[in-house]
C-alpha cells in the first residue's frame, strides 16, 4: 500500500520526459494490489481450513493454545496465502484476464465453503 502511494506521488511530482512512465507505474500499483489481495484471500482460506480441521479433530483447548496450536495457526494460512498469490501471479502473467481469475477464485471459495459445510 505504501509503495503504491509513493509511486503515485513520485509520478505526479516528477515531470516525465518519456511518455508511458505514468502508465507503467499505474500498472505496477494495480499489480501490487492484485498480489496483496490474492495473498489475503489465500490467508483467509487457509485460516478457515485450519479452524475447521481443529473443529473436526475435536482438538483439546490446551493443544490449541500451546506451541503446536500456534504453529498450525500461523504456518498453513501463510503458506496458503503465498501459494495462492504465486499461482495467481503466474496465471496473470500467462494472460489470464480478470474474469478467468475471478472464476478461479470462486472455485477456491467453493472448495473452502464445501469444507466448512462438513
PDB file of N, CA and C in Angstrom:
ATOM      1  N   UNK A   1       0.830  -1.182   0.000  1.00  0.00           N
ATOM      2  CA  UNK A   1       0.000   0.000   0.000  1.00  0.00           C
ATOM      3  C   UNK A   1       0.875   1.246   0.000  1.00  0.00           C
ATOM      4  N   UNK A   2       1.884   1.256   0.867  1.00  0.00           N
ATOM      5  CA  UNK A   2       2.772   2.400   0.948  1.00  0.00           C
ATOM      6  C   UNK A   2       3.535   2.585  -0.353  1.00  0.00           C
ATOM      7  N   UNK A   3       3.948   1.472  -0.968  1.00  0.00           N
ATOM      8  CA  UNK A   3       4.669   1.553  -2.241  1.00  0.00           C
ATOM      9  C   UNK A   3       3.791   2.168  -3.324  1.00  0.00           C
ATOM     10  N   UNK A   4       2.521   1.792  -3.329  1.00  0.00           N
ATOM     11  CA  UNK A   4       1.616   2.325  -4.335  1.00  0.00           C
ATOM     12  C   UNK A   4       1.414   3.828  -4.147  1.00  0.00           C
ATOM     13  N   UNK A   5       1.274   4.264  -2.901  1.00  0.00           N
ATOM     14  CA  UNK A   5       1.093   5.696  -2.632  1.00  0.00           C
ATOM     15  C   UNK A   5       2.344   6.476  -3.021  1.00  0.00           C
ATOM     16  N   UNK A   6       3.524   5.967  -2.652  1.00  0.00           N
ATOM     17  CA  UNK A   6       4.763   6.652  -3.003  1.00  0.00           C
ATOM     18  C   UNK A   6       4.985   6.681  -4.510  1.00  0.00           C
ATOM     19  N   UNK A   7       4.593   5.613  -5.196  1.00  0.00           N
ATOM     20  CA  UNK A   7       4.739   5.592  -6.656  1.00  0.00           C
ATOM     21  C   UNK A   7       3.840   6.629  -7.299  1.00  0.00           C
ATOM     22  N   UNK A   8       2.627   6.765  -6.795  1.00  0.00           N
ATOM     23  CA  UNK A   8       1.712   7.759  -7.368  1.00  0.00           C
ATOM     24  C   UNK A   8       2.199   9.178  -7.108  1.00  0.00           C
ATOM     25  N   UNK A   9       2.709   9.435  -5.903  1.00  0.00           N
ATOM     26  CA  UNK A   9       3.213  10.767  -5.591  1.00  0.00           C
ATOM     27  C   UNK A   9       4.426  11.087  -6.459  1.00  0.00           C
ATOM     28  N   UNK A  10       5.319  10.103  -6.638  1.00  0.00           N
ATOM     29  CA  UNK A  10       6.504  10.312  -7.464  1.00  0.00           C
ATOM     30  C   UNK A  10       6.156  10.566  -8.906  1.00  0.00           C
ATOM     31  N   UNK A  11       5.121   9.919  -9.425  1.00  0.00           N
ATOM     32  CA  UNK A  11       4.711  10.112 -10.814  1.00  0.00           C
ATOM     33  C   UNK A  11       4.103  11.486 -10.989  1.00  0.00           C
ATOM     34  N   UNK A  12       3.332  11.939 -10.032  1.00  0.00           N
ATOM     35  CA  UNK A  12       2.687  13.246 -10.156  1.00  0.00           C
ATOM     36  C   UNK A  12       3.686  14.395 -10.032  1.00  0.00           C
ATOM     37  N   UNK A  13       4.666  14.244  -9.152  1.00  0.00           N
ATOM     38  CA  UNK A  13       5.557  15.368  -8.897  1.00  0.00           C
ATOM     39  C   UNK A  13       6.693  15.463  -9.905  1.00  0.00           C
ATOM     40  N   UNK A  14       7.102  14.338 -10.464  1.00  0.00           N
ATOM     41  CA  UNK A  14       8.236  14.369 -11.389  1.00  0.00           C
ATOM     42  C   UNK A  14       7.734  14.530 -12.813  1.00  0.00           C
ATOM     43  N   UNK A  15       8.248  15.553 -13.516  1.00  0.00           N
ATOM     44  CA  UNK A  15       7.856  15.687 -14.915  1.00  0.00           C
ATOM     45  C   UNK A  15       8.545  14.583 -15.725  1.00  0.00           C
ATOM     46  N   UNK A  16       7.785  13.886 -16.504  1.00  0.00           N
ATOM     47  CA  UNK A  16       8.363  12.780 -17.256  1.00  0.00           C
ATOM     48  C   UNK A  16       8.644  13.220 -18.682  1.00  0.00           C
ATOM     49  N   UNK A  17       9.859  12.949 -19.109  1.00  0.00           N
ATOM     50  CA  UNK A  17      10.211  13.258 -20.483  1.00  0.00           C
ATOM     51  C   UNK A  17       9.814  12.119 -21.409  1.00  0.00           C
ATOM     52  N   UNK A  18       9.607  10.941 -20.823  1.00  0.00           N
ATOM     53  CA  UNK A  18       9.207   9.795 -21.623  1.00  0.00           C
ATOM     54  C   UNK A  18       7.715   9.551 -21.450  1.00  0.00           C
ATOM     55  N   UNK A  19       6.996   9.420 -22.534  1.00  0.00           N
ATOM     56  CA  UNK A  19       5.588   9.055 -22.381  1.00  0.00           C
ATOM     57  C   UNK A  19       5.487   7.589 -21.987  1.00  0.00           C
ATOM     58  N   UNK A  20       4.522   7.295 -21.172  1.00  0.00           N
ATOM     59  CA  UNK A  20       4.299   5.916 -20.774  1.00  0.00           C
ATOM     60  C   UNK A  20       4.809   5.574 -19.388  1.00  0.00           C
ATOM     61  N   UNK A  21       5.554   6.478 -18.743  1.00  0.00           N
ATOM     62  CA  UNK A  21       6.059   6.185 -17.402  1.00  0.00           C
ATOM     63  C   UNK A  21       4.903   6.120 -16.411  1.00  0.00           C
ATOM     64  N   UNK A  22       3.956   7.030 -16.544  1.00  0.00           N
ATOM     65  CA  UNK A  22       2.814   7.027 -15.630  1.00  0.00           C
ATOM     66  C   UNK A  22       1.984   5.760 -15.808  1.00  0.00           C
ATOM     67  N   UNK A  23       1.861   5.291 -17.046  1.00  0.00           N
ATOM     68  CA  UNK A  23       1.090   4.082 -17.281  1.00  0.00           C
ATOM     69  C   UNK A  23       1.773   2.870 -16.658  1.00  0.00           C
ATOM     70  N   UNK A  24       3.115   2.815 -16.754  1.00  0.00           N
ATOM     71  CA  UNK A  24       3.831   1.677 -16.186  1.00  0.00           C
ATOM     72  C   UNK A  24       3.712   1.651 -14.668  1.00  0.00           C
ATOM     73  N   UNK A  25       3.839   2.805 -14.016  1.00  0.00           N
ATOM     74  CA  UNK A  25       3.736   2.819 -12.560  1.00  0.00           C
ATOM     75  C   UNK A  25       2.301   2.545 -12.118  1.00  0.00           C
ATOM     76  N   UNK A  26       1.336   2.971 -12.919  1.00  0.00           N
ATOM     77  CA  UNK A  26      -0.053   2.656 -12.596  1.00  0.00           C
ATOM     78  C   UNK A  26      -0.297   1.162 -12.707  1.00  0.00           C
ATOM     79  N   UNK A  27       0.296   0.533 -13.711  1.00  0.00           N
ATOM     80  CA  UNK A  27       0.156  -0.916 -13.848  1.00  0.00           C
ATOM     81  C   UNK A  27       0.837  -1.624 -12.686  1.00  0.00           C
ATOM     82  N   UNK A  28       1.969  -1.078 -12.222  1.00  0.00           N
ATOM     83  CA  UNK A  28       2.648  -1.675 -11.070  1.00  0.00           C
ATOM     84  C   UNK A  28       1.791  -1.586  -9.821  1.00  0.00           C
ATOM     85  N   UNK A  29       1.127  -0.447  -9.619  1.00  0.00           N
ATOM     86  CA  UNK A  29       0.304  -0.308  -8.420  1.00  0.00           C
ATOM     87  C   UNK A  29      -0.880  -1.263  -8.468  1.00  0.00           C
ATOM     88  N   UNK A  30      -1.429  -1.486  -9.668  1.00  0.00           N
ATOM     89  CA  UNK A  30      -2.507  -2.463  -9.783  1.00  0.00           C
ATOM     90  C   UNK A  30      -1.976  -3.868  -9.516  1.00  0.00           C
ATOM     91  N   UNK A  31      -0.758  -4.148  -9.951  1.00  0.00           N
ATOM     92  CA  UNK A  31      -0.162  -5.465  -9.707  1.00  0.00           C
ATOM     93  C   UNK A  31       0.084  -5.680  -8.212  1.00  0.00           C
ATOM     94  N   UNK A  32       0.537  -4.637  -7.520  1.00  0.00           N
ATOM     95  CA  UNK A  32       0.755  -4.757  -6.069  1.00  0.00           C
ATOM     96  C   UNK A  32      -0.565  -5.034  -5.359  1.00  0.00           C
ATOM     97  N   UNK A  33      -1.611  -4.336  -5.752  1.00  0.00           N
ATOM     98  CA  UNK A  33      -2.920  -4.549  -5.134  1.00  0.00           C
ATOM     99  C   UNK A  33      -3.440  -5.952  -5.445  1.00  0.00           C
ATOM    100  N   UNK A  34      -3.198  -6.428  -6.662  1.00  0.00           N
ATOM    101  CA  UNK A  34      -3.630  -7.765  -7.047  1.00  0.00           C
ATOM    102  C   UNK A  34      -2.925  -8.836  -6.222  1.00  0.00           C
ATOM    103  N   UNK A  35      -1.613  -8.711  -6.065  1.00  0.00           N
ATOM    104  CA  UNK A  35      -0.850  -9.693  -5.302  1.00  0.00           C
ATOM    105  C   UNK A  35      -1.250  -9.644  -3.826  1.00  0.00           C
ATOM    106  N   UNK A  36      -1.408  -8.445  -3.279  1.00  0.00           N
ATOM    107  CA  UNK A  36      -1.813  -8.326  -1.877  1.00  0.00           C
ATOM    108  C   UNK A  36      -3.205  -8.901  -1.645  1.00  0.00           C
ATOM    109  N   UNK A  37      -4.111  -8.638  -2.558  1.00  0.00           N
ATOM    110  CA  UNK A  37      -5.466  -9.172  -2.435  1.00  0.00           C
ATOM    111  C   UNK A  37      -5.513 -10.683  -2.539  1.00  0.00           C
ATOM    112  N   UNK A  38      -4.743 -11.238  -3.471  1.00  0.00           N
ATOM    113  CA  UNK A  38      -4.739 -12.699  -3.605  1.00  0.00           C
ATOM    114  C   UNK A  38      -4.068 -13.359  -2.402  1.00  0.00           C
ATOM    115  N   UNK A  39      -3.027 -12.719  -1.833  1.00  0.00           N
ATOM    116  CA  UNK A  39      -2.424 -13.257  -0.616  1.00  0.00           C
ATOM    117  C   UNK A  39      -3.422 -13.241   0.532  1.00  0.00           C
ATOM    118  N   UNK A  40      -4.145 -12.135   0.696  1.00  0.00           N
ATOM    119  CA  UNK A  40      -5.123 -12.035   1.780  1.00  0.00           C
ATOM    120  C   UNK A  40      -6.232 -13.073   1.612  1.00  0.00           C
ATOM    121  N   UNK A  41      -6.687 -13.255   0.381  1.00  0.00           N
ATOM    122  CA  UNK A  41      -7.721 -14.254   0.115  1.00  0.00           C
ATOM    123  C   UNK A  41      -7.219 -15.655   0.463  1.00  0.00           C
ATOM    124  N   UNK A  42      -6.000 -15.970   0.067  1.00  0.00           N
ATOM    125  CA  UNK A  42      -5.423 -17.273   0.383  1.00  0.00           C
ATOM    126  C   UNK A  42      -5.199 -17.462   1.871  1.00  0.00           C
ATOM    127  N   UNK A  43      -4.784 -16.399   2.561  1.00  0.00           N
ATOM    128  CA  UNK A  43      -4.558 -16.479   4.000  1.00  0.00           C
ATOM    129  C   UNK A  43      -5.864 -16.732   4.733  1.00  0.00           C
ATOM    130  N   UNK A  44      -6.915 -16.035   4.329  1.00  0.00           N
ATOM    131  CA  UNK A  44      -8.211 -16.245   4.974  1.00  0.00           C
ATOM    132  C   UNK A  44      -8.748 -17.645   4.701  1.00  0.00           C
ATOM    133  N   UNK A  45      -8.545 -18.147   3.485  1.00  0.00           N
ATOM    134  CA  UNK A  45      -8.973 -19.514   3.165  1.00  0.00           C
ATOM    135  C   UNK A  45      -8.193 -20.514   4.014  1.00  0.00           C
ATOM    136  N   UNK A  46      -6.890 -20.315   4.155  1.00  0.00           N
ATOM    137  CA  UNK A  46      -6.075 -21.203   4.982  1.00  0.00           C
ATOM    138  C   UNK A  46      -6.480 -21.160   6.443  1.00  0.00           C
ATOM    139  N   UNK A  47      -6.785 -19.979   6.951  1.00  0.00           N
ATOM    140  CA  UNK A  47      -7.225 -19.847   8.337  1.00  0.00           C
ATOM    141  C   UNK A  47      -8.546 -20.567   8.558  1.00  0.00           C
ATOM    142  N   UNK A  48      -9.473 -20.415   7.623  1.00  0.00           N
ATOM    143  CA  UNK A  48     -10.763 -21.104   7.751  1.00  0.00           C
ATOM    144  C   UNK A  48     -10.577 -22.619   7.730  1.00  0.00           C
ATOM    145  N   UNK A  49      -9.668 -23.098   6.880  1.00  0.00           N
ATOM    146  CA  UNK A  49      -9.417 -24.537   6.802  1.00  0.00           C
ATOM    147  C   UNK A  49      -8.807 -25.059   8.111  1.00  0.00           C
ATOM    148  N   UNK A  50      -7.831 -24.325   8.660  1.00  0.00           N
ATOM    149  CA  UNK A  50      -7.206 -24.758   9.917  1.00  0.00           C
ATOM    150  C   UNK A  50      -8.220 -24.782  11.053  1.00  0.00           C
ATOM    151  N   UNK A  51      -9.030 -23.763  11.158  1.00  0.00           N
ATOM    152  CA  UNK A  51     -10.024 -23.733  12.234  1.00  0.00           C
ATOM    153  C   UNK A  51     -11.047 -24.853  12.082  1.00  0.00           C
ATOM    154  N   UNK A  52     -11.447 -25.136  10.836  1.00  0.00           N
ATOM    155  CA  UNK A  52     -12.410 -26.215  10.630  1.00  0.00           C
ATOM    156  C   UNK A  52     -11.781 -27.575  10.935  1.00  0.00           C
ATOM    157  N   UNK A  53     -10.517 -27.777  10.559  1.00  0.00           N
ATOM    158  CA  UNK A  53      -9.849 -29.037  10.864  1.00  0.00           C
ATOM    159  C   UNK A  53      -9.685 -29.227  12.369  1.00  0.00           C
ATOM    160  N   UNK A  54      -9.407 -28.131  13.098  1.00  0.00           N
ATOM    161  CA  UNK A  54      -9.361 -28.226  14.562  1.00  0.00           C
ATOM    162  C   UNK A  54     -10.715 -28.670  15.097  1.00  0.00           C
ATOM    163  N   UNK A  55     -11.778 -28.091  14.522  1.00  0.00           N
ATOM    164  CA  UNK A  55     -13.131 -28.435  14.979  1.00  0.00           C
ATOM    165  C   UNK A  55     -13.451 -29.895  14.666  1.00  0.00           C
ATOM    166  N   UNK A  56     -13.096 -30.359  13.470  1.00  0.00           N
ATOM    167  CA  UNK A  56     -13.383 -31.742  13.093  1.00  0.00           C
ATOM    168  C   UNK A  56     -12.564 -32.744  13.905  1.00  0.00           C
ATOM    169  N   UNK A  57     -11.337 -32.367  14.275  1.00  0.00           N
ATOM    170  CA  UNK A  57     -10.477 -33.269  15.042  1.00  0.00           C
ATOM    171  C   UNK A  57     -10.768 -33.224  16.539  1.00  0.00           C
ATOM    172  N   UNK A  58     -11.689 -32.371  16.950  1.00  0.00           N
ATOM    173  CA  UNK A  58     -12.006 -32.211  18.375  1.00  0.00           C
ATOM    174  C   UNK A  58     -10.731 -31.939  19.173  1.00  0.00           C
ATOM    175  N   UNK A  59      -9.957 -30.979  18.695  1.00  0.00           N
ATOM    176  CA  UNK A  59      -8.690 -30.651  19.358  1.00  0.00           C
ATOM    177  C   UNK A  59      -8.971 -30.076  20.742  1.00  0.00           C
ATOM    178  N   UNK A  60      -8.251 -30.570  21.749  1.00  0.00           N
ATOM    179  CA  UNK A  60      -8.450 -30.015  23.093  1.00  0.00           C
ATOM    180  C   UNK A  60      -7.939 -28.571  23.172  1.00  0.00           C
ATOM    181  N   UNK A  61      -8.521 -27.820  24.067  1.00  0.00           N
ATOM    182  CA  UNK A  61      -8.174 -26.391  24.180  1.00  0.00           C
ATOM    183  C   UNK A  61      -6.705 -26.181  24.528  1.00  0.00           C
ATOM    184  N   UNK A  62      -6.114 -27.040  25.370  1.00  0.00           N
ATOM    185  CA  UNK A  62      -4.720 -26.853  25.755  1.00  0.00           C
ATOM    186  C   UNK A  62      -3.803 -27.025  24.555  1.00  0.00           C
ATOM    187  N   UNK A  63      -4.215 -27.878  23.593  1.00  0.00           N
ATOM    188  CA  UNK A  63      -3.390 -28.090  22.410  1.00  0.00           C
ATOM    189  C   UNK A  63      -3.444 -26.883  21.476  1.00  0.00           C
ATOM    190  N   UNK A  64      -4.582 -26.231  21.422  1.00  0.00           N
ATOM    191  CA  UNK A  64      -4.743 -25.081  20.532  1.00  0.00           C
ATOM    192  C   UNK A  64      -3.901 -23.907  21.024  1.00  0.00           C
ATOM    193  N   UNK A  65      -3.828 -23.705  22.344  1.00  0.00           N
ATOM    194  CA  UNK A  65      -3.071 -22.557  22.866  1.00  0.00           C
ATOM    195  C   UNK A  65      -1.611 -22.890  23.137  1.00  0.00           C
ATOM    196  N   UNK A  66      -1.205 -24.131  22.891  1.00  0.00           N
ATOM    197  CA  UNK A  66       0.203 -24.499  23.098  1.00  0.00           C
ATOM    198  C   UNK A  66       1.018 -24.183  21.839  1.00  0.00           C
ATOM    199  N   UNK A  67       2.244 -24.632  21.826  1.00  0.00           N
ATOM    200  CA  UNK A  67       3.117 -24.386  20.679  1.00  0.00           C
ATOM    201  C   UNK A  67       2.631 -25.055  19.410  1.00  0.00           C
ATOM    202  N   UNK A  68       2.053 -26.239  19.542  1.00  0.00           N
ATOM    203  CA  UNK A  68       1.532 -26.946  18.371  1.00  0.00           C
ATOM    204  C   UNK A  68       0.405 -26.144  17.733  1.00  0.00           C
ATOM    205  N   UNK A  69      -0.481 -25.651  18.563  1.00  0.00           N
ATOM    206  CA  UNK A  69      -1.585 -24.846  18.043  1.00  0.00           C
ATOM    207  C   UNK A  69      -1.103 -23.563  17.410  1.00  0.00           C
ATOM    208  N   UNK A  70      -0.088 -22.956  18.014  1.00  0.00           N
ATOM    209  CA  UNK A  70       0.447 -21.714  17.468  1.00  0.00           C
ATOM    210  C   UNK A  70       1.038 -21.937  16.083  1.00  0.00           C
ATOM    211  N   UNK A  71       1.806 -23.026  15.955  1.00  0.00           N
ATOM    212  CA  UNK A  71       2.430 -23.313  14.663  1.00  0.00           C
ATOM    213  C   UNK A  71       1.374 -23.634  13.620  1.00  0.00           C
ATOM    214  N   UNK A  72       0.372 -24.443  13.979  1.00  0.00           N
ATOM    215  CA  UNK A  72      -0.654 -24.779  12.989  1.00  0.00           C
ATOM    216  C   UNK A  72      -1.550 -23.591  12.657  1.00  0.00           C
ATOM    217  N   UNK A  73      -1.646 -22.638  13.551  1.00  0.00           N
ATOM    218  CA  UNK A  73      -2.457 -21.456  13.252  1.00  0.00           C
ATOM    219  C   UNK A  73      -1.690 -20.445  12.401  1.00  0.00           C
ATOM    220  N   UNK A  74      -0.378 -20.375  12.552  1.00  0.00           N
ATOM    221  CA  UNK A  74       0.400 -19.369  11.840  1.00  0.00           C
ATOM    222  C   UNK A  74       0.946 -19.845  10.495  1.00  0.00           C
ATOM    223  N   UNK A  75       1.422 -21.072  10.420  1.00  0.00           N
ATOM    224  CA  UNK A  75       2.102 -21.523   9.213  1.00  0.00           C
ATOM    225  C   UNK A  75       1.184 -21.846   8.034  1.00  0.00           C
ATOM    226  N   UNK A  76       0.192 -22.723   8.171  1.00  0.00           N
ATOM    227  CA  UNK A  76      -0.607 -23.082   6.996  1.00  0.00           C
ATOM    228  C   UNK A  76      -1.322 -21.903   6.315  1.00  0.00           C
ATOM    229  N   UNK A  77      -1.945 -20.965   7.058  1.00  0.00           N
ATOM    230  CA  UNK A  77      -2.557 -19.840   6.342  1.00  0.00           C
ATOM    231  C   UNK A  77      -1.539 -18.997   5.570  1.00  0.00           C
ATOM    232  N   UNK A  78      -0.354 -18.803   6.137  1.00  0.00           N
ATOM    233  CA  UNK A  78       0.661 -18.011   5.450  1.00  0.00           C
ATOM    234  C   UNK A  78       1.158 -18.736   4.211  1.00  0.00           C
ATOM    235  N   UNK A  79       1.403 -20.032   4.328  1.00  0.00           N
ATOM    236  CA  UNK A  79       1.846 -20.808   3.164  1.00  0.00           C
ATOM    237  C   UNK A  79       0.759 -20.813   2.091  1.00  0.00           C
ATOM    238  N   UNK A  80      -0.485 -20.968   2.500  1.00  0.00           N
ATOM    239  CA  UNK A  80      -1.594 -20.944   1.544  1.00  0.00           C
ATOM    240  C   UNK A  80      -1.686 -19.586   0.858  1.00  0.00           C
ATOM    241  N   UNK A  81      -1.504 -18.506   1.621  1.00  0.00           N
ATOM    242  CA  UNK A  81      -1.549 -17.168   1.032  1.00  0.00           C
ATOM    243  C   UNK A  81      -0.453 -16.952   0.015  1.00  0.00           C
ATOM    244  N   UNK A  82       0.792 -17.333   0.356  1.00  0.00           N
ATOM    245  CA  UNK A  82       1.891 -17.179  -0.593  1.00  0.00           C
ATOM    246  C   UNK A  82       1.680 -18.053  -1.823  1.00  0.00           C
ATOM    247  N   UNK A  83       1.203 -19.286  -1.632  1.00  0.00           N
ATOM    248  CA  UNK A  83       0.982 -20.184  -2.766  1.00  0.00           C
ATOM    249  C   UNK A  83      -0.094 -19.641  -3.697  1.00  0.00           C
ATOM    250  N   UNK A  84      -1.174 -19.127  -3.129  1.00  0.00           N
ATOM    251  CA  UNK A  84      -2.243 -18.584  -3.971  1.00  0.00           C
ATOM    252  C   UNK A  84      -1.789 -17.319  -4.688  1.00  0.00           C
ATOM    253  N   UNK A  85      -1.040 -16.457  -4.009  1.00  0.00           N
ATOM    254  CA  UNK A  85      -0.526 -15.251  -4.665  1.00  0.00           C
ATOM    255  C   UNK A  85       0.438 -15.618  -5.792  1.00  0.00           C
ATOM    256  N   UNK A  86       1.286 -16.627  -5.573  1.00  0.00           N
ATOM    257  CA  UNK A  86       2.218 -17.056  -6.606  1.00  0.00           C
ATOM    258  C   UNK A  86       1.473 -17.629  -7.804  1.00  0.00           C
ATOM    259  N   UNK A  87       0.468 -18.480  -7.532  1.00  0.00           N
ATOM    260  CA  UNK A  87      -0.297 -19.091  -8.622  1.00  0.00           C
ATOM    261  C   UNK A  87      -1.073 -18.057  -9.427  1.00  0.00           C
ATOM    262  N   UNK A  88      -1.728 -17.135  -8.751  1.00  0.00           N
ATOM    263  CA  UNK A  88      -2.484 -16.120  -9.486  1.00  0.00           C
ATOM    264  C   UNK A  88      -1.554 -15.191 -10.255  1.00  0.00           C
ATOM    265  N   UNK A  89      -0.380 -14.906  -9.699  1.00  0.00           N
ATOM    266  CA  UNK A  89       0.593 -14.101 -10.436  1.00  0.00           C
ATOM    267  C   UNK A  89       1.077 -14.795 -11.692  1.00  0.00           C
ATOM    268  N   UNK A  90       1.316 -16.102 -11.591  1.00  0.00           N
ATOM    269  CA  UNK A  90       1.737 -16.872 -12.768  1.00  0.00           C
ATOM    270  C   UNK A  90       0.621 -16.918 -13.813  1.00  0.00           C
ATOM    271  N   UNK A  91      -0.619 -17.118 -13.355  1.00  0.00           N
ATOM    272  CA  UNK A  91      -1.733 -17.171 -14.292  1.00  0.00           C
ATOM    273  C   UNK A  91      -1.952 -15.822 -14.965  1.00  0.00           C
ATOM    274  N   UNK A  92      -1.833 -14.747 -14.198  1.00  0.00           N
ATOM    275  CA  UNK A  92      -1.985 -13.411 -14.784  1.00  0.00           C
ATOM    276  C   UNK A  92      -0.852 -13.136 -15.770  1.00  0.00           C
ATOM    277  N   UNK A  93       0.347 -13.610 -15.465  1.00  0.00           N
ATOM    278  CA  UNK A  93       1.476 -13.443 -16.373  1.00  0.00           C
ATOM    279  C   UNK A  93       1.307 -14.216 -17.668  1.00  0.00           C
ATOM    280  N   UNK A  94       0.527 -15.282 -17.632  1.00  0.00           N
ATOM    281  CA  UNK A  94       0.292 -16.080 -18.838  1.00  0.00           C
ATOM    282  C   UNK A  94      -0.911 -15.592 -19.622  1.00  0.00           C
ATOM    283  N   UNK A  95      -1.505 -14.493 -19.197  1.00  0.00           N
ATOM    284  CA  UNK A  95      -2.572 -13.891 -19.981  1.00  0.00           C
ATOM    285  C   UNK A  95      -3.979 -14.125 -19.470  1.00  0.00           C
ATOM    286  N   UNK A  96      -4.134 -14.693 -18.293  1.00  0.00           N
ATOM    287  CA  UNK A  96      -5.471 -14.858 -17.747  1.00  0.00           C
ATOM    288  C   UNK A  96      -6.034 -13.494 -17.401  1.00  0.00           C
ATOM    289  N   UNK A  97      -7.253 -13.238 -17.788  1.00  0.00           N
ATOM    290  CA  UNK A  97      -7.887 -11.956 -17.525  1.00  0.00           C
ATOM    291  C   UNK A  97      -8.595 -11.937 -16.188  1.00  0.00           C
ATOM    292  N   UNK A  98      -9.176 -10.786 -15.855  1.00  0.00           N
ATOM    293  CA  UNK A  98      -9.870 -10.666 -14.564  1.00  0.00           C
ATOM    294  C   UNK A  98     -11.044 -11.624 -14.419  1.00  0.00           C
ATOM    295  N   UNK A  99     -11.770 -11.880 -15.515  1.00  0.00           N
ATOM    296  CA  UNK A  99     -12.924 -12.774 -15.421  1.00  0.00           C
ATOM    297  C   UNK A  99     -12.475 -14.209 -15.124  1.00  0.00           C
ATOM    298  N   UNK A 100     -11.425 -14.662 -15.786  1.00  0.00           N
ATOM    299  CA  UNK A 100     -10.926 -16.021 -15.552  1.00  0.00           C
ATOM    300  C   UNK A 100     -10.387 -16.177 -14.139  1.00  0.00           C
ATOM    301  N   UNK A 101      -9.629 -15.179 -13.677  1.00  0.00           N
ATOM    302  CA  UNK A 101      -9.101 -15.245 -12.311  1.00  0.00           C
ATOM    303  C   UNK A 101     -10.212 -15.163 -11.276  1.00  0.00           C
ATOM    304  N   UNK A 102     -11.254 -14.398 -11.582  1.00  0.00           N
ATOM    305  CA  UNK A 102     -12.402 -14.323 -10.678  1.00  0.00           C
ATOM    306  C   UNK A 102     -13.125 -15.654 -10.569  1.00  0.00           C
ATOM    307  N   UNK A 103     -13.253 -16.350 -11.696  1.00  0.00           N
ATOM    308  CA  UNK A 103     -13.882 -17.671 -11.663  1.00  0.00           C
ATOM    309  C   UNK A 103     -13.016 -18.674 -10.908  1.00  0.00           C
ATOM    310  N   UNK A 104     -11.700 -18.585 -11.067  1.00  0.00           N
ATOM    311  CA  UNK A 104     -10.801 -19.462 -10.311  1.00  0.00           C
ATOM    312  C   UNK A 104     -10.921 -19.187  -8.808  1.00  0.00           C
ATOM    313  N   UNK A 105     -11.010 -17.906  -8.439  1.00  0.00           N
ATOM    314  CA  UNK A 105     -11.183 -17.544  -7.030  1.00  0.00           C
ATOM    315  C   UNK A 105     -12.527 -18.043  -6.500  1.00  0.00           C
ATOM    316  N   UNK A 106     -13.554 -17.980  -7.337  1.00  0.00           N
ATOM    317  CA  UNK A 106     -14.858 -18.503  -6.916  1.00  0.00           C
ATOM    318  C   UNK A 106     -14.783 -20.015  -6.701  1.00  0.00           C
ATOM    319  N   UNK A 107     -13.997 -20.702  -7.515  1.00  0.00           N
ATOM    320  CA  UNK A 107     -13.802 -22.141  -7.319  1.00  0.00           C
ATOM    321  C   UNK A 107     -13.107 -22.456  -6.008  1.00  0.00           C
ATOM    322  N   UNK A 108     -12.070 -21.679  -5.685  1.00  0.00           N
ATOM    323  CA  UNK A 108     -11.374 -21.867  -4.410  1.00  0.00           C
ATOM    324  C   UNK A 108     -12.320 -21.572  -3.245  1.00  0.00           C
ATOM    325  N   UNK A 109     -13.099 -20.513  -3.372  1.00  0.00           N
ATOM    326  CA  UNK A 109     -14.061 -20.178  -2.320  1.00  0.00           C
ATOM    327  C   UNK A 109     -15.102 -21.285  -2.176  1.00  0.00           C
ATOM    328  N   UNK A 110     -15.509 -21.897  -3.280  1.00  0.00           N
ATOM    329  CA  UNK A 110     -16.454 -23.002  -3.225  1.00  0.00           C
ATOM    330  C   UNK A 110     -15.872 -24.223  -2.524  1.00  0.00           C
ATOM    331  N   UNK A 111     -14.582 -24.507  -2.794  1.00  0.00           N
ATOM    332  CA  UNK A 111     -13.929 -25.621  -2.106  1.00  0.00           C
ATOM    333  C   UNK A 111     -13.854 -25.391  -0.599  1.00  0.00           C
ATOM    334  N   UNK A 112     -13.489 -24.175  -0.209  1.00  0.00           N
ATOM    335  CA  UNK A 112     -13.401 -23.855   1.219  1.00  0.00           C
ATOM    336  C   UNK A 112     -14.801 -23.908   1.854  1.00  0.00           C
ATOM    337  N   UNK A 113     -15.796 -23.389   1.151  1.00  0.00           N
ATOM    338  CA  UNK A 113     -17.170 -23.427   1.686  1.00  0.00           C
ATOM    339  C   UNK A 113     -17.652 -24.866   1.830  1.00  0.00           C
ATOM    340  N   UNK A 114     -17.270 -25.725   0.880  1.00  0.00           N
ATOM    341  CA  UNK A 114     -17.632 -27.132   0.986  1.00  0.00           C
ATOM    342  C   UNK A 114     -16.987 -27.794   2.193  1.00  0.00           C
ATOM    343  N   UNK A 115     -15.732 -27.452   2.454  1.00  0.00           N
ATOM    344  CA  UNK A 115     -15.074 -27.993   3.640  1.00  0.00           C
ATOM    345  C   UNK A 115     -15.719 -27.473   4.915  1.00  0.00           C
ATOM    346  N   UNK A 116     -16.076 -26.199   4.918  1.00  0.00           N
ATOM    347  CA  UNK A 116     -16.701 -25.628   6.110  1.00  0.00           C
ATOM    348  C   UNK A 116     -18.100 -26.182   6.363  1.00  0.00           C
ATOM    349  N   UNK A 117     -18.739 -26.693   5.314  1.00  0.00           N
ATOM    350  CA  UNK A 117     -20.080 -27.249   5.474  1.00  0.00           C
ATOM    351  C   UNK A 117     -20.067 -28.641   6.101  1.00  0.00           C
ATOM    352  N   UNK A 118     -18.892 -29.275   6.182  1.00  0.00           N
ATOM    353  CA  UNK A 118     -18.808 -30.614   6.787  1.00  0.00           C
ATOM    354  C   UNK A 118     -19.255 -30.613   8.220  1.00  0.00           C
TER     355      UNK A 118
END
